[in-house]
Amino acid sequence: MSIVDDFVEHLVERNTFRVTGALAVRLVDGGVKISGALRSTLRDQRKSKDLLHINIPVVANVKIGEIVIRLPKNE
């Protein structure tokens, strides 16, 4: 087996990743504002042990450009 196969086996196939939390999406002038918090846990299934706990604050402002909707011509 190659190093990549071993890495994928140990990281992806053996572990689970759980994400919980809440996000708020608000429409603002010219875009969207997203805020909230996510909590994630990386768990080794073979050893039944949590490997990593992460709290992720989320604050994002997304600007949306002009949207053009073309209407079909009546013939």
C-alpha atoms as a PDB file:
ATOM      1  CA  MET A   1       0.000   0.000   0.000  1.00  0.00           C
ATOM      2  CA  SER A   2       1.084   3.530  -0.607  1.00  0.00           C
ATOM      3  CA  ILE A   3       1.346   6.323   1.924  1.00  0.00           C
ATOM      4  CA  VAL A   4      -1.777   7.934   0.443  1.00  0.00           C
ATOM      5  CA  ASP A   5      -3.799   4.720   0.873  1.00  0.00           C
ATOM      6  CA  ASP A   6      -2.700   4.446   4.509  1.00  0.00           C
ATOM      7  CA  PHE A   7      -3.559   8.097   5.136  1.00  0.00           C
ATOM      8  CA  VAL A   8      -7.028   7.731   3.605  1.00  0.00           C
ATOM      9  CA  GLU A   9      -7.678   4.525   5.527  1.00  0.00           C
ATOM     10  CA  HIS A  10      -6.708   6.003   8.881  1.00  0.00           C
ATOM     11  CA  LEU A  11      -8.242   9.442   8.451  1.00  0.00           C
ATOM     12  CA  VAL A  12     -11.390   8.833   6.420  1.00  0.00           C
ATOM     13  CA  GLU A  13     -12.432   5.212   6.786  1.00  0.00           C
ATOM     14  CA  ARG A  14     -11.670   4.889  10.495  1.00  0.00           C
ATOM     15  CA  ASN A  15     -12.926   8.229  11.780  1.00  0.00           C
ATOM     16  CA  THR A  16     -16.253  10.004  11.908  1.00  0.00           C
ATOM     17  CA  PHE A  17     -16.802  13.719  11.800  1.00  0.00           C
ATOM     18  CA  ARG A  18     -19.846  15.219  13.544  1.00  0.00           C
ATOM     19  CA  VAL A  19     -20.960  18.832  13.111  1.00  0.00           C
ATOM     20  CA  THR A  20     -23.656  20.495  15.235  1.00  0.00           C
ATOM     21  CA  GLY A  21     -24.676  24.096  15.720  1.00  0.00           C
ATOM     22  CA  ALA A  22     -26.855  26.793  14.270  1.00  0.00           C
ATOM     23  CA  LEU A  23     -26.559  29.449  11.601  1.00  0.00           C
ATOM     24  CA  ALA A  24     -28.695  32.550  11.119  1.00  0.00           C
ATOM     25  CA  VAL A  25     -29.152  33.832   7.580  1.00  0.00           C
ATOM     26  CA  ARG A  26     -30.360  37.421   7.189  1.00  0.00           C
ATOM     27  CA  LEU A  27     -31.140  39.274   4.011  1.00  0.00           C
ATOM     28  CA  VAL A  28     -29.449  42.671   4.001  1.00  0.00           C
ATOM     29  CA  ASP A  29     -29.223  45.397   1.401  1.00  0.00           C
ATOM     30  CA  GLY A  30     -27.122  44.012  -1.435  1.00  0.00           C
ATOM     31  CA  GLY A  31     -26.580  40.509  -0.078  1.00  0.00           C
ATOM     32  CA  VAL A  32     -26.816  38.056   2.793  1.00  0.00           C
ATOM     33  CA  LYS A  33     -25.319  38.029   6.300  1.00  0.00           C
ATOM     34  CA  ILE A  34     -24.597  34.650   7.905  1.00  0.00           C
ATOM     35  CA  SER A  35     -23.717  34.303  11.590  1.00  0.00           C
ATOM     36  CA  GLY A  36     -23.685  31.565  14.191  1.00  0.00           C
ATOM     37  CA  ALA A  37     -21.478  28.861  15.657  1.00  0.00           C
ATOM     38  CA  LEU A  38     -20.597  25.296  14.723  1.00  0.00           C
ATOM     39  CA  ARG A  39     -19.205  22.618  17.007  1.00  0.00           C
ATOM     40  CA  SER A  40     -17.416  19.636  15.485  1.00  0.00           C
ATOM     41  CA  THR A  41     -15.885  16.441  16.810  1.00  0.00           C
ATOM     42  CA  LEU A  42     -13.487  14.027  15.119  1.00  0.00           C
ATOM     43  CA  ARG A  43     -13.888  10.523  16.592  1.00  0.00           C
ATOM     44  CA  ASP A  44     -11.786   7.369  16.110  1.00  0.00           C
ATOM     45  CA  GLN A  45     -14.329   4.566  15.664  1.00  0.00           C
ATOM     46  CA  ARG A  46     -11.888   1.745  16.328  1.00  0.00           C
ATOM     47  CA  LYS A  47     -10.706   3.105  19.679  1.00  0.00           C
ATOM     48  CA  SER A  48     -14.049   4.778  20.545  1.00  0.00           C
ATOM     49  CA  LYS A  49     -12.153   7.925  21.446  1.00  0.00           C
ATOM     50  CA  ASP A  50     -12.673  11.588  20.546  1.00  0.00           C
ATOM     51  CA  LEU A  51      -9.551  12.947  18.858  1.00  0.00           C
ATOM     52  CA  LEU A  52     -10.459  16.575  18.264  1.00  0.00           C
ATOM     53  CA  HIS A  53     -13.086  19.103  19.436  1.00  0.00           C
ATOM     54  CA  ILE A  54     -13.458  22.386  17.546  1.00  0.00           C
ATOM     55  CA  ASN A  55     -15.728  25.401  18.120  1.00  0.00           C
ATOM     56  CA  ILE A  56     -16.051  27.456  14.940  1.00  0.00           C
ATOM     57  CA  PRO A  57     -17.609  30.928  15.041  1.00  0.00           C
ATOM     58  CA  VAL A  58     -19.182  31.901  11.708  1.00  0.00           C
ATOM     59  CA  VAL A  59     -19.517  35.495  10.521  1.00  0.00           C
ATOM     60  CA  ALA A  60     -19.883  36.047   6.777  1.00  0.00           C
ATOM     61  CA  ASN A  61     -21.172  38.839   4.583  1.00  0.00           C
ATOM     62  CA  VAL A  62     -21.985  37.755   1.056  1.00  0.00           C
ATOM     63  CA  LYS A  63     -22.635  40.414  -1.549  1.00  0.00           C
ATOM     64  CA  ILE A  64     -24.844  39.475  -4.451  1.00  0.00           C
ATOM     65  CA  GLY A  65     -24.388  41.290  -7.728  1.00  0.00           C
ATOM     66  CA  GLU A  66     -27.115  42.407 -10.049  1.00  0.00           C
ATOM     67  CA  ILE A  67     -29.353  39.596 -11.259  1.00  0.00           C
ATOM     68  CA  VAL A  68     -30.888  39.791 -14.725  1.00  0.00           C
ATOM     69  CA  ILE A  69     -33.847  37.576 -15.545  1.00  0.00           C
ATOM     70  CA  ARG A  70     -34.689  37.442 -19.217  1.00  0.00           C
ATOM     71  CA  LEU A  71     -38.354  37.060 -20.058  1.00  0.00           C
ATOM     72  CA  PRO A  72     -39.404  35.124 -23.146  1.00  0.00           C
ATOM     73  CA  LYS A  73     -40.766  37.183 -26.034  1.00  0.00           C
ATOM     74  CA  ASN A  74     -44.442  36.800 -26.839  1.00  0.00           C
ATOM     75  CA  GLU A  75     -44.821  35.885 -30.478  1.00  0.00           C
END
